[in-house]
Amino acid sequence: ESIVTAITYGRTMTRTIQKFLMFQLSVNVSMLILSIISMFFGIKEVF
């Protein structure tokens, strides 16, 4: 049964990493797009 527990925690780690990547990449992609778009508005830096 301890092996089952290990499998459960292993898959939880995978899901947690995926959640964190979705959160982090959403921010990165948004900042990248904003940096590109800002050039068309003559804004040197968004942030």
ModelCIF file with pLDDT and N, C-alpha, C, O atoms, coordinates in Angstrom:
data_MODEL
#
_entry.id   MODEL 
#
_entity.id                         1 
_entity.type                       polymer 
_entity.pdbx_number_of_molecules   1 
#
_entity_poly.entity_id                      1 
_entity_poly.type                           'polypeptide(L)' 
_entity_poly.nstd_linkage                   no 
_entity_poly.nstd_monomer                   no 
_entity_poly.pdbx_seq_one_letter_code       ESIVTAITYGRTMTRTIQKFLMFQLSVNVSMLILSIISMFFGIKEVF 
_entity_poly.pdbx_seq_one_letter_code_can   ESIVTAITYGRTMTRTIQKFLMFQLSVNVSMLILSIISMFFGIKEVF 
_entity_poly.pdbx_strand_id                 A 
#
loop_
_entity_poly_seq.entity_id 
_entity_poly_seq.num 
_entity_poly_seq.mon_id 
_entity_poly_seq.hetero 
1 1  GLU n 
1 2  SER n 
1 3  ILE n 
1 4  VAL n 
1 5  THR n 
1 6  ALA n 
1 7  ILE n 
1 8  THR n 
1 9  TYR n 
1 10 GLY n 
1 11 ARG n 
1 12 THR n 
1 13 MET n 
1 14 THR n 
1 15 ARG n 
1 16 THR n 
1 17 ILE n 
1 18 GLN n 
1 19 LYS n 
1 20 PHE n 
1 21 LEU n 
1 22 MET n 
1 23 PHE n 
1 24 GLN n 
1 25 LEU n 
1 26 SER n 
1 27 VAL n 
1 28 ASN n 
1 29 VAL n 
1 30 SER n 
1 31 MET n 
1 32 LEU n 
1 33 ILE n 
1 34 LEU n 
1 35 SER n 
1 36 ILE n 
1 37 ILE n 
1 38 SER n 
1 39 MET n 
1 40 PHE n 
1 41 PHE n 
1 42 GLY n 
1 43 ILE n 
1 44 LYS n 
1 45 GLU n 
1 46 VAL n 
1 47 PHE n 
#
_struct_asym.id          A 
_struct_asym.entity_id   1 
#
loop_
_ma_qa_metric.id 
_ma_qa_metric.mode 
_ma_qa_metric.name 
_ma_qa_metric.software_group_id 
_ma_qa_metric.type 
1 global pLDDT . pLDDT 
2 local  pLDDT . pLDDT 
#
_ma_qa_metric_global.metric_id      1 
_ma_qa_metric_global.metric_value   87.09 
_ma_qa_metric_global.model_id       1 
_ma_qa_metric_global.ordinal_id     1 
#
loop_
_ma_qa_metric_local.label_asym_id 
_ma_qa_metric_local.label_comp_id 
_ma_qa_metric_local.label_seq_id 
_ma_qa_metric_local.metric_id 
_ma_qa_metric_local.metric_value 
_ma_qa_metric_local.model_id 
_ma_qa_metric_local.ordinal_id 
A GLU 1  2 88.00 1 1  
A SER 2  2 89.00 1 2  
A ILE 3  2 89.00 1 3  
A VAL 4  2 90.00 1 4  
A THR 5  2 90.00 1 5  
A ALA 6  2 89.00 1 6  
A ILE 7  2 90.00 1 7  
A THR 8  2 91.00 1 8  
A TYR 9  2 90.00 1 9  
A GLY 10 2 89.00 1 10 
A ARG 11 2 90.00 1 11 
A THR 12 2 91.00 1 12 
A MET 13 2 90.00 1 13 
A THR 14 2 89.00 1 14 
A ARG 15 2 91.00 1 15 
A THR 16 2 92.00 1 16 
A ILE 17 2 92.00 1 17 
A GLN 18 2 93.00 1 18 
A LYS 19 2 93.00 1 19 
A PHE 20 2 93.00 1 20 
A LEU 21 2 93.00 1 21 
A MET 22 2 94.00 1 22 
A PHE 23 2 93.00 1 23 
A GLN 24 2 92.00 1 24 
A LEU 25 2 93.00 1 25 
A SER 26 2 93.00 1 26 
A VAL 27 2 91.00 1 27 
A ASN 28 2 90.00 1 28 
A VAL 29 2 93.00 1 29 
A SER 30 2 92.00 1 30 
A MET 31 2 89.00 1 31 
A LEU 32 2 89.00 1 32 
A ILE 33 2 91.00 1 33 
A LEU 34 2 89.00 1 34 
A SER 35 2 85.00 1 35 
A ILE 36 2 86.00 1 36 
A ILE 37 2 86.00 1 37 
A SER 38 2 81.00 1 38 
A MET 39 2 79.00 1 39 
A PHE 40 2 78.00 1 40 
A PHE 41 2 72.00 1 41 
A GLY 42 2 72.00 1 42 
A ILE 43 2 71.00 1 43 
A LYS 44 2 68.00 1 44 
A GLU 45 2 71.00 1 45 
A VAL 46 2 75.00 1 46 
A PHE 47 2 78.00 1 47 
#
loop_
_atom_site.group_PDB 
_atom_site.id 
_atom_site.type_symbol 
_atom_site.label_atom_id 
_atom_site.label_alt_id 
_atom_site.label_comp_id 
_atom_site.label_asym_id 
_atom_site.label_entity_id 
_atom_site.label_seq_id 
_atom_site.pdbx_PDB_ins_code 
_atom_site.Cartn_x 
_atom_site.Cartn_y 
_atom_site.Cartn_z 
_atom_site.occupancy 
_atom_site.B_iso_or_equiv 
_atom_site.pdbx_formal_charge 
_atom_site.auth_seq_id 
_atom_site.auth_comp_id 
_atom_site.auth_asym_id 
_atom_site.auth_atom_id 
_atom_site.pdbx_PDB_model_num 
ATOM 1   N N  . GLU A 1 1  ? 0.817  -1.205 0.000   1.00 88.00 ? 1  GLU A N  1 
ATOM 2   C CA . GLU A 1 1  ? 0.000  0.000  0.000   1.00 88.00 ? 1  GLU A CA 1 
ATOM 3   C C  . GLU A 1 1  ? 0.858  1.265  0.000   1.00 88.00 ? 1  GLU A C  1 
ATOM 4   O O  . GLU A 1 1  ? 0.430  2.314  -0.481  1.00 88.00 ? 1  GLU A O  1 
ATOM 5   N N  . SER A 1 2  ? 2.066  1.156  0.541   1.00 89.00 ? 2  SER A N  1 
ATOM 6   C CA . SER A 1 2  ? 2.972  2.309  0.546   1.00 89.00 ? 2  SER A CA 1 
ATOM 7   C C  . SER A 1 2  ? 3.407  2.662  -0.872  1.00 89.00 ? 2  SER A C  1 
ATOM 8   O O  . SER A 1 2  ? 3.691  3.821  -1.173  1.00 89.00 ? 2  SER A O  1 
ATOM 9   N N  . ILE A 1 3  ? 3.457  1.649  -1.744  1.00 89.00 ? 3  ILE A N  1 
ATOM 10  C CA . ILE A 1 3  ? 3.794  1.907  -3.145  1.00 89.00 ? 3  ILE A CA 1 
ATOM 11  C C  . ILE A 1 3  ? 2.677  2.720  -3.791  1.00 89.00 ? 3  ILE A C  1 
ATOM 12  O O  . ILE A 1 3  ? 2.937  3.624  -4.585  1.00 89.00 ? 3  ILE A O  1 
ATOM 13  N N  . VAL A 1 4  ? 1.423  2.391  -3.443  1.00 90.00 ? 4  VAL A N  1 
ATOM 14  C CA . VAL A 1 4  ? 0.287  3.152  -3.966  1.00 90.00 ? 4  VAL A CA 1 
ATOM 15  C C  . VAL A 1 4  ? 0.382  4.612  -3.514  1.00 90.00 ? 4  VAL A C  1 
ATOM 16  O O  . VAL A 1 4  ? 0.136  5.535  -4.289  1.00 90.00 ? 4  VAL A O  1 
ATOM 17  N N  . THR A 1 5  ? 0.742  4.794  -2.255  1.00 90.00 ? 5  THR A N  1 
ATOM 18  C CA . THR A 1 5  ? 0.901  6.152  -1.732  1.00 90.00 ? 5  THR A CA 1 
ATOM 19  C C  . THR A 1 5  ? 1.989  6.904  -2.496  1.00 90.00 ? 5  THR A C  1 
ATOM 20  O O  . THR A 1 5  ? 1.833  8.079  -2.830  1.00 90.00 ? 5  THR A O  1 
ATOM 21  N N  . ALA A 1 6  ? 3.097  6.205  -2.767  1.00 89.00 ? 6  ALA A N  1 
ATOM 22  C CA . ALA A 1 6  ? 4.198  6.829  -3.509  1.00 89.00 ? 6  ALA A CA 1 
ATOM 23  C C  . ALA A 1 6  ? 3.755  7.222  -4.914  1.00 89.00 ? 6  ALA A C  1 
ATOM 24  O O  . ALA A 1 6  ? 4.114  8.292  -5.405  1.00 89.00 ? 6  ALA A O  1 
ATOM 25  N N  . ILE A 1 7  ? 2.971  6.351  -5.565  1.00 90.00 ? 7  ILE A N  1 
ATOM 26  C CA . ILE A 1 7  ? 2.462  6.654  -6.915  1.00 90.00 ? 7  ILE A CA 1 
ATOM 27  C C  . ILE A 1 7  ? 1.564  7.881  -6.865  1.00 90.00 ? 7  ILE A C  1 
ATOM 28  O O  . ILE A 1 7  ? 1.647  8.764  -7.719  1.00 90.00 ? 7  ILE A O  1 
ATOM 29  N N  . THR A 1 8  ? 0.704  7.924  -5.853  1.00 91.00 ? 8  THR A N  1 
ATOM 30  C CA . THR A 1 8  ? -0.213 9.062  -5.716  1.00 91.00 ? 8  THR A CA 1 
ATOM 31  C C  . THR A 1 8  ? 0.547  10.371 -5.547  1.00 91.00 ? 8  THR A C  1 
ATOM 32  O O  . THR A 1 8  ? 0.218  11.375 -6.178  1.00 91.00 ? 8  THR A O  1 
ATOM 33  N N  . TYR A 1 9  ? 1.567  10.354 -4.691  1.00 90.00 ? 9  TYR A N  1 
ATOM 34  C CA . TYR A 1 9  ? 2.349  11.575 -4.470  1.00 90.00 ? 9  TYR A CA 1 
ATOM 35  C C  . TYR A 1 9  ? 3.182  11.921 -5.703  1.00 90.00 ? 9  TYR A C  1 
ATOM 36  O O  . TYR A 1 9  ? 3.386  13.096 -6.008  1.00 90.00 ? 9  TYR A O  1 
ATOM 37  N N  . GLY A 1 10 ? 3.660  10.900 -6.410  1.00 89.00 ? 10 GLY A N  1 
ATOM 38  C CA . GLY A 1 10 ? 4.421  11.158 -7.631  1.00 89.00 ? 10 GLY A CA 1 
ATOM 39  C C  . GLY A 1 10 ? 3.572  11.850 -8.677  1.00 89.00 ? 10 GLY A C  1 
ATOM 40  O O  . GLY A 1 10 ? 4.008  12.802 -9.324  1.00 89.00 ? 10 GLY A O  1 
ATOM 41  N N  . ARG A 1 11 ? 2.354  11.359 -8.832  1.00 90.00 ? 11 ARG A N  1 
ATOM 42  C CA . ARG A 1 11 ? 1.458  11.982 -9.819  1.00 90.00 ? 11 ARG A CA 1 
ATOM 43  C C  . ARG A 1 11 ? 1.001  13.356 -9.352  1.00 90.00 ? 11 ARG A C  1 
ATOM 44  O O  . ARG A 1 11 ? 0.755  14.243 -10.170 1.00 90.00 ? 11 ARG A O  1 
ATOM 45  N N  . THR A 1 12 ? 0.888  13.532 -8.053  1.00 91.00 ? 12 THR A N  1 
ATOM 46  C CA . THR A 1 12 ? 0.544  14.847 -7.529  1.00 91.00 ? 12 THR A CA 1 
ATOM 47  C C  . THR A 1 12 ? 1.651  15.847 -7.844  1.00 91.00 ? 12 THR A C  1 
ATOM 48  O O  . THR A 1 12 ? 1.374  16.991 -8.204  1.00 91.00 ? 12 THR A O  1 
ATOM 49  N N  . MET A 1 13 ? 2.893  15.420 -7.709  1.00 90.00 ? 13 MET A N  1 
ATOM 50  C CA . MET A 1 13 ? 4.020  16.295 -8.044  1.00 90.00 ? 13 MET A CA 1 
ATOM 51  C C  . MET A 1 13 ? 3.978  16.705 -9.506  1.00 90.00 ? 13 MET A C  1 
ATOM 52  O O  . MET A 1 13 ? 4.237  17.859 -9.845  1.00 90.00 ? 13 MET A O  1 
ATOM 53  N N  . THR A 1 14 ? 3.650  15.745 -10.374 1.00 89.00 ? 14 THR A N  1 
ATOM 54  C CA . THR A 1 14 ? 3.546  16.055 -11.805 1.00 89.00 ? 14 THR A CA 1 
ATOM 55  C C  . THR A 1 14 ? 2.469  17.109 -12.041 1.00 89.00 ? 14 THR A C  1 
ATOM 56  O O  . THR A 1 14 ? 2.685  18.084 -12.761 1.00 89.00 ? 14 THR A O  1 
ATOM 57  N N  . ARG A 1 15 ? 1.292  16.897 -11.416 1.00 91.00 ? 15 ARG A N  1 
ATOM 58  C CA . ARG A 1 15 ? 0.194  17.849 -11.579 1.00 91.00 ? 15 ARG A CA 1 
ATOM 59  C C  . ARG A 1 15 ? 0.554  19.215 -11.003 1.00 91.00 ? 15 ARG A C  1 
ATOM 60  O O  . ARG A 1 15 ? 0.196  20.245 -11.573 1.00 91.00 ? 15 ARG A O  1 
ATOM 61  N N  . THR A 1 16 ? 1.255  19.225 -9.885  1.00 92.00 ? 16 THR A N  1 
ATOM 62  C CA . THR A 1 16 ? 1.633  20.495 -9.266  1.00 92.00 ? 16 THR A CA 1 
ATOM 63  C C  . THR A 1 16 ? 2.588  21.273 -10.159 1.00 92.00 ? 16 THR A C  1 
ATOM 64  O O  . THR A 1 16 ? 2.460  22.489 -10.306 1.00 92.00 ? 16 THR A O  1 
ATOM 65  N N  . ILE A 1 17 ? 3.538  20.575 -10.750 1.00 92.00 ? 17 ILE A N  1 
ATOM 66  C CA . ILE A 1 17 ? 4.470  21.231 -11.681 1.00 92.00 ? 17 ILE A CA 1 
ATOM 67  C C  . ILE A 1 17 ? 3.708  21.795 -12.873 1.00 92.00 ? 17 ILE A C  1 
ATOM 68  O O  . ILE A 1 17 ? 4.000  22.898 -13.336 1.00 92.00 ? 17 ILE A O  1 
ATOM 69  N N  . GLN A 1 18 ? 2.730  21.037 -13.371 1.00 93.00 ? 18 GLN A N  1 
ATOM 70  C CA . GLN A 1 18 ? 1.929  21.512 -14.500 1.00 93.00 ? 18 GLN A CA 1 
ATOM 71  C C  . GLN A 1 18 ? 1.133  22.761 -14.118 1.00 93.00 ? 18 GLN A C  1 
ATOM 72  O O  . GLN A 1 18 ? 1.041  23.706 -14.901 1.00 93.00 ? 18 GLN A O  1 
ATOM 73  N N  . LYS A 1 19 ? 0.561  22.763 -12.918 1.00 93.00 ? 19 LYS A N  1 
ATOM 74  C CA . LYS A 1 19 ? -0.189 23.932 -12.456 1.00 93.00 ? 19 LYS A CA 1 
ATOM 75  C C  . LYS A 1 19 ? 0.713  25.164 -12.373 1.00 93.00 ? 19 LYS A C  1 
ATOM 76  O O  . LYS A 1 19 ? 0.347  26.260 -12.799 1.00 93.00 ? 19 LYS A O  1 
ATOM 77  N N  . PHE A 1 20 ? 1.895  24.949 -11.815 1.00 93.00 ? 20 PHE A N  1 
ATOM 78  C CA . PHE A 1 20 ? 2.831  26.067 -11.676 1.00 93.00 ? 20 PHE A CA 1 
ATOM 79  C C  . PHE A 1 20 ? 3.275  26.588 -13.043 1.00 93.00 ? 20 PHE A C  1 
ATOM 80  O O  . PHE A 1 20 ? 3.408  27.796 -13.242 1.00 93.00 ? 20 PHE A O  1 
ATOM 81  N N  . LEU A 1 21 ? 3.503  25.671 -13.978 1.00 93.00 ? 21 LEU A N  1 
ATOM 82  C CA . LEU A 1 21 ? 3.910  26.101 -15.324 1.00 93.00 ? 21 LEU A CA 1 
ATOM 83  C C  . LEU A 1 21 ? 2.800  26.894 -16.006 1.00 93.00 ? 21 LEU A C  1 
ATOM 84  O O  . LEU A 1 21 ? 3.077  27.892 -16.672 1.00 93.00 ? 21 LEU A O  1 
ATOM 85  N N  . MET A 1 22 ? 1.548  26.466 -15.849 1.00 94.00 ? 22 MET A N  1 
ATOM 86  C CA . MET A 1 22 ? 0.437  27.208 -16.446 1.00 94.00 ? 22 MET A CA 1 
ATOM 87  C C  . MET A 1 22 ? 0.371  28.615 -15.863 1.00 94.00 ? 22 MET A C  1 
ATOM 88  O O  . MET A 1 22 ? 0.171  29.593 -16.583 1.00 94.00 ? 22 MET A O  1 
ATOM 89  N N  . PHE A 1 23 ? 0.543  28.697 -14.556 1.00 93.00 ? 23 PHE A N  1 
ATOM 90  C CA . PHE A 1 23 ? 0.517  29.998 -13.892 1.00 93.00 ? 23 PHE A CA 1 
ATOM 91  C C  . PHE A 1 23 ? 1.670  30.879 -14.365 1.00 93.00 ? 23 PHE A C  1 
ATOM 92  O O  . PHE A 1 23 ? 1.468  32.038 -14.724 1.00 93.00 ? 23 PHE A O  1 
ATOM 93  N N  . GLN A 1 24 ? 2.872  30.323 -14.361 1.00 92.00 ? 24 GLN A N  1 
ATOM 94  C CA . GLN A 1 24 ? 4.066  31.108 -14.673 1.00 92.00 ? 24 GLN A CA 1 
ATOM 95  C C  . GLN A 1 24 ? 4.128  31.511 -16.145 1.00 92.00 ? 24 GLN A C  1 
ATOM 96  O O  . GLN A 1 24 ? 4.444  32.657 -16.467 1.00 92.00 ? 24 GLN A O  1 
ATOM 97  N N  . LEU A 1 25 ? 3.827  30.567 -17.034 1.00 93.00 ? 25 LEU A N  1 
ATOM 98  C CA . LEU A 1 25 ? 3.928  30.865 -18.465 1.00 93.00 ? 25 LEU A CA 1 
ATOM 99  C C  . LEU A 1 25 ? 2.857  31.854 -18.912 1.00 93.00 ? 25 LEU A C  1 
ATOM 100 O O  . LEU A 1 25 ? 3.061  32.611 -19.861 1.00 93.00 ? 25 LEU A O  1 
ATOM 101 N N  . SER A 1 26 ? 1.712  31.844 -18.226 1.00 93.00 ? 26 SER A N  1 
ATOM 102 C CA . SER A 1 26 ? 0.685  32.841 -18.560 1.00 93.00 ? 26 SER A CA 1 
ATOM 103 C C  . SER A 1 26 ? 1.233  34.248 -18.339 1.00 93.00 ? 26 SER A C  1 
ATOM 104 O O  . SER A 1 26 ? 0.971  35.155 -19.129 1.00 93.00 ? 26 SER A O  1 
ATOM 105 N N  . VAL A 1 27 ? 1.993  34.421 -17.263 1.00 91.00 ? 27 VAL A N  1 
ATOM 106 C CA . VAL A 1 27 ? 2.600  35.717 -16.975 1.00 91.00 ? 27 VAL A CA 1 
ATOM 107 C C  . VAL A 1 27 ? 3.696  36.037 -17.988 1.00 91.00 ? 27 VAL A C  1 
ATOM 108 O O  . VAL A 1 27 ? 3.761  37.150 -18.511 1.00 91.00 ? 27 VAL A O  1 
ATOM 109 N N  . ASN A 1 28 ? 4.549  35.060 -18.259 1.00 90.00 ? 28 ASN A N  1 
ATOM 110 C CA . ASN A 1 28 ? 5.665  35.290 -19.192 1.00 90.00 ? 28 ASN A CA 1 
ATOM 111 C C  . ASN A 1 28 ? 5.175  35.633 -20.593 1.00 90.00 ? 28 ASN A C  1 
ATOM 112 O O  . ASN A 1 28 ? 5.670  36.565 -21.225 1.00 90.00 ? 28 ASN A O  1 
ATOM 113 N N  . VAL A 1 29 ? 4.192  34.864 -21.071 1.00 93.00 ? 29 VAL A N  1 
ATOM 114 C CA . VAL A 1 29 ? 3.664  35.103 -22.420 1.00 93.00 ? 29 VAL A CA 1 
ATOM 115 C C  . VAL A 1 29 ? 3.024  36.483 -22.496 1.00 93.00 ? 29 VAL A C  1 
ATOM 116 O O  . VAL A 1 29 ? 3.200  37.198 -23.483 1.00 93.00 ? 29 VAL A O  1 
ATOM 117 N N  . SER A 1 30 ? 2.283  36.858 -21.459 1.00 92.00 ? 30 SER A N  1 
ATOM 118 C CA . SER A 1 30 ? 1.626  38.170 -21.446 1.00 92.00 ? 30 SER A CA 1 
ATOM 119 C C  . SER A 1 30 ? 2.650  39.298 -21.471 1.00 92.00 ? 30 SER A C  1 
ATOM 120 O O  . SER A 1 30 ? 2.493  40.261 -22.222 1.00 92.00 ? 30 SER A O  1 
ATOM 121 N N  . MET A 1 31 ? 3.697  39.187 -20.658 1.00 89.00 ? 31 MET A N  1 
ATOM 122 C CA . MET A 1 31 ? 4.720  40.228 -20.624 1.00 89.00 ? 31 MET A CA 1 
ATOM 123 C C  . MET A 1 31 ? 5.470  40.317 -21.940 1.00 89.00 ? 31 MET A C  1 
ATOM 124 O O  . MET A 1 31 ? 5.829  41.410 -22.377 1.00 89.00 ? 31 MET A O  1 
ATOM 125 N N  . LEU A 1 32 ? 5.711  39.174 -22.579 1.00 89.00 ? 32 LEU A N  1 
ATOM 126 C CA . LEU A 1 32 ? 6.393  39.180 -23.879 1.00 89.00 ? 32 LEU A CA 1 
ATOM 127 C C  . LEU A 1 32 ? 5.549  39.874 -24.940 1.00 89.00 ? 32 LEU A C  1 
ATOM 128 O O  . LEU A 1 32 ? 6.045  40.705 -25.701 1.00 89.00 ? 32 LEU A O  1 
ATOM 129 N N  . ILE A 1 33 ? 4.272  39.524 -24.980 1.00 91.00 ? 33 ILE A N  1 
ATOM 130 C CA . ILE A 1 33 ? 3.380  40.141 -25.978 1.00 91.00 ? 33 ILE A CA 1 
ATOM 131 C C  . ILE A 1 33 ? 3.247  41.641 -25.728 1.00 91.00 ? 33 ILE A C  1 
ATOM 132 O O  . ILE A 1 33 ? 3.264  42.441 -26.664 1.00 91.00 ? 33 ILE A O  1 
ATOM 133 N N  . LEU A 1 34 ? 3.113  42.010 -24.453 1.00 89.00 ? 34 LEU A N  1 
ATOM 134 C CA . LEU A 1 34 ? 2.989  43.432 -24.120 1.00 89.00 ? 34 LEU A CA 1 
ATOM 135 C C  . LEU A 1 34 ? 4.244  44.208 -24.508 1.00 89.00 ? 34 LEU A C  1 
ATOM 136 O O  . LEU A 1 34 ? 4.150  45.351 -24.956 1.00 89.00 ? 34 LEU A O  1 
ATOM 137 N N  . SER A 1 35 ? 5.405  43.607 -24.345 1.00 85.00 ? 35 SER A N  1 
ATOM 138 C CA . SER A 1 35 ? 6.662  44.270 -24.711 1.00 85.00 ? 35 SER A CA 1 
ATOM 139 C C  . SER A 1 35 ? 6.717  44.523 -26.206 1.00 85.00 ? 35 SER A C  1 
ATOM 140 O O  . SER A 1 35 ? 7.220  45.556 -26.650 1.00 85.00 ? 35 SER A O  1 
ATOM 141 N N  . ILE A 1 36 ? 6.202  43.582 -26.981 1.00 86.00 ? 36 ILE A N  1 
ATOM 142 C CA . ILE A 1 36 ? 6.195  43.748 -28.447 1.00 86.00 ? 36 ILE A CA 1 
ATOM 143 C C  . ILE A 1 36 ? 5.174  44.802 -28.861 1.00 86.00 ? 36 ILE A C  1 
ATOM 144 O O  . ILE A 1 36 ? 5.460  45.672 -29.683 1.00 86.00 ? 36 ILE A O  1 
ATOM 145 N N  . ILE A 1 37 ? 3.962  44.710 -28.271 1.00 86.00 ? 37 ILE A N  1 
ATOM 146 C CA . ILE A 1 37 ? 2.900  45.653 -28.645 1.00 86.00 ? 37 ILE A CA 1 
ATOM 147 C C  . ILE A 1 37 ? 3.249  47.076 -28.239 1.00 86.00 ? 37 ILE A C  1 
ATOM 148 O O  . ILE A 1 37 ? 2.921  48.031 -28.942 1.00 86.00 ? 37 ILE A O  1 
ATOM 149 N N  . SER A 1 38 ? 3.914  47.207 -27.102 1.00 81.00 ? 38 SER A N  1 
ATOM 150 C CA . SER A 1 38 ? 4.217  48.555 -26.594 1.00 81.00 ? 38 SER A CA 1 
ATOM 151 C C  . SER A 1 38 ? 5.073  49.357 -27.576 1.00 81.00 ? 38 SER A C  1 
ATOM 152 O O  . SER A 1 38 ? 5.000  50.585 -27.614 1.00 81.00 ? 38 SER A O  1 
ATOM 153 N N  . MET A 1 39 ? 5.876  48.658 -28.361 1.00 79.00 ? 39 MET A N  1 
ATOM 154 C CA . MET A 1 39 ? 6.718  49.369 -29.332 1.00 79.00 ? 39 MET A CA 1 
ATOM 155 C C  . MET A 1 39 ? 5.883  50.109 -30.362 1.00 79.00 ? 39 MET A C  1 
ATOM 156 O O  . MET A 1 39 ? 6.305  51.148 -30.870 1.00 79.00 ? 39 MET A O  1 
ATOM 157 N N  . PHE A 1 40 ? 4.699  49.587 -30.678 1.00 78.00 ? 40 PHE A N  1 
ATOM 158 C CA . PHE A 1 40 ? 3.843  50.238 -31.669 1.00 78.00 ? 40 PHE A CA 1 
ATOM 159 C C  . PHE A 1 40 ? 3.158  51.470 -31.093 1.00 78.00 ? 40 PHE A C  1 
ATOM 160 O O  . PHE A 1 40 ? 2.653  52.317 -31.831 1.00 78.00 ? 40 PHE A O  1 
ATOM 161 N N  . PHE A 1 41 ? 3.146  51.560 -29.761 1.00 72.00 ? 41 PHE A N  1 
ATOM 162 C CA . PHE A 1 41 ? 2.552  52.732 -29.116 1.00 72.00 ? 41 PHE A CA 1 
ATOM 163 C C  . PHE A 1 41 ? 3.621  53.725 -28.663 1.00 72.00 ? 41 PHE A C  1 
ATOM 164 O O  . PHE A 1 41 ? 3.315  54.724 -28.011 1.00 72.00 ? 41 PHE A O  1 
ATOM 165 N N  . GLY A 1 42 ? 4.858  53.447 -29.008 1.00 72.00 ? 42 GLY A N  1 
ATOM 166 C CA . GLY A 1 42 ? 5.943  54.342 -28.637 1.00 72.00 ? 42 GLY A CA 1 
ATOM 167 C C  . GLY A 1 42 ? 6.287  54.295 -27.165 1.00 72.00 ? 42 GLY A C  1 
ATOM 168 O O  . GLY A 1 42 ? 6.908  55.216 -26.634 1.00 72.00 ? 42 GLY A O  1 
ATOM 169 N N  . ILE A 1 43 ? 5.885  53.222 -26.504 1.00 71.00 ? 43 ILE A N  1 
ATOM 170 C CA . ILE A 1 43 ? 6.189  53.070 -25.078 1.00 71.00 ? 43 ILE A CA 1 
ATOM 171 C C  . ILE A 1 43 ? 7.480  52.266 -24.951 1.00 71.00 ? 43 ILE A C  1 
ATOM 172 O O  . ILE A 1 43 ? 7.566  51.133 -25.426 1.00 71.00 ? 43 ILE A O  1 
ATOM 173 N N  . LYS A 1 44 ? 8.476  52.857 -24.312 1.00 68.00 ? 44 LYS A N  1 
ATOM 174 C CA . LYS A 1 44 ? 9.780  52.195 -24.226 1.00 68.00 ? 44 LYS A CA 1 
ATOM 175 C C  . LYS A 1 44 ? 9.720  50.945 -23.344 1.00 68.00 ? 44 LYS A C  1 
ATOM 176 O O  . LYS A 1 44 ? 10.300 49.909 -23.669 1.00 68.00 ? 44 LYS A O  1 
ATOM 177 N N  . GLU A 1 45 ? 9.018  51.064 -22.243 1.00 71.00 ? 45 GLU A N  1 
ATOM 178 C CA . GLU A 1 45 ? 8.901  49.903 -21.357 1.00 71.00 ? 45 GLU A CA 1 
ATOM 179 C C  . GLU A 1 45 ? 7.532  49.918 -20.685 1.00 71.00 ? 45 GLU A C  1 
ATOM 180 O O  . GLU A 1 45 ? 7.089  50.939 -20.159 1.00 71.00 ? 45 GLU A O  1 
ATOM 181 N N  . VAL A 1 46 ? 6.871  48.750 -20.716 1.00 75.00 ? 46 VAL A N  1 
ATOM 182 C CA . VAL A 1 46 ? 5.541  48.649 -20.099 1.00 75.00 ? 46 VAL A CA 1 
ATOM 183 C C  . VAL A 1 46 ? 5.667  48.747 -18.587 1.00 75.00 ? 46 VAL A C  1 
ATOM 184 O O  . VAL A 1 46 ? 4.898  49.444 -17.926 1.00 75.00 ? 46 VAL A O  1 
ATOM 185 N N  . PHE A 1 47 ? 6.656  48.034 -18.054 1.00 78.00 ? 47 PHE A N  1 
ATOM 186 C CA . PHE A 1 47 ? 6.878  48.024 -16.611 1.00 78.00 ? 47 PHE A CA 1 
ATOM 187 C C  . PHE A 1 47 ? 8.300  48.458 -16.306 1.00 78.00 ? 47 PHE A C  1 
ATOM 188 O O  . PHE A 1 47 ? 8.691  48.517 -15.140 1.00 78.00 ? 47 PHE A O  1 
#
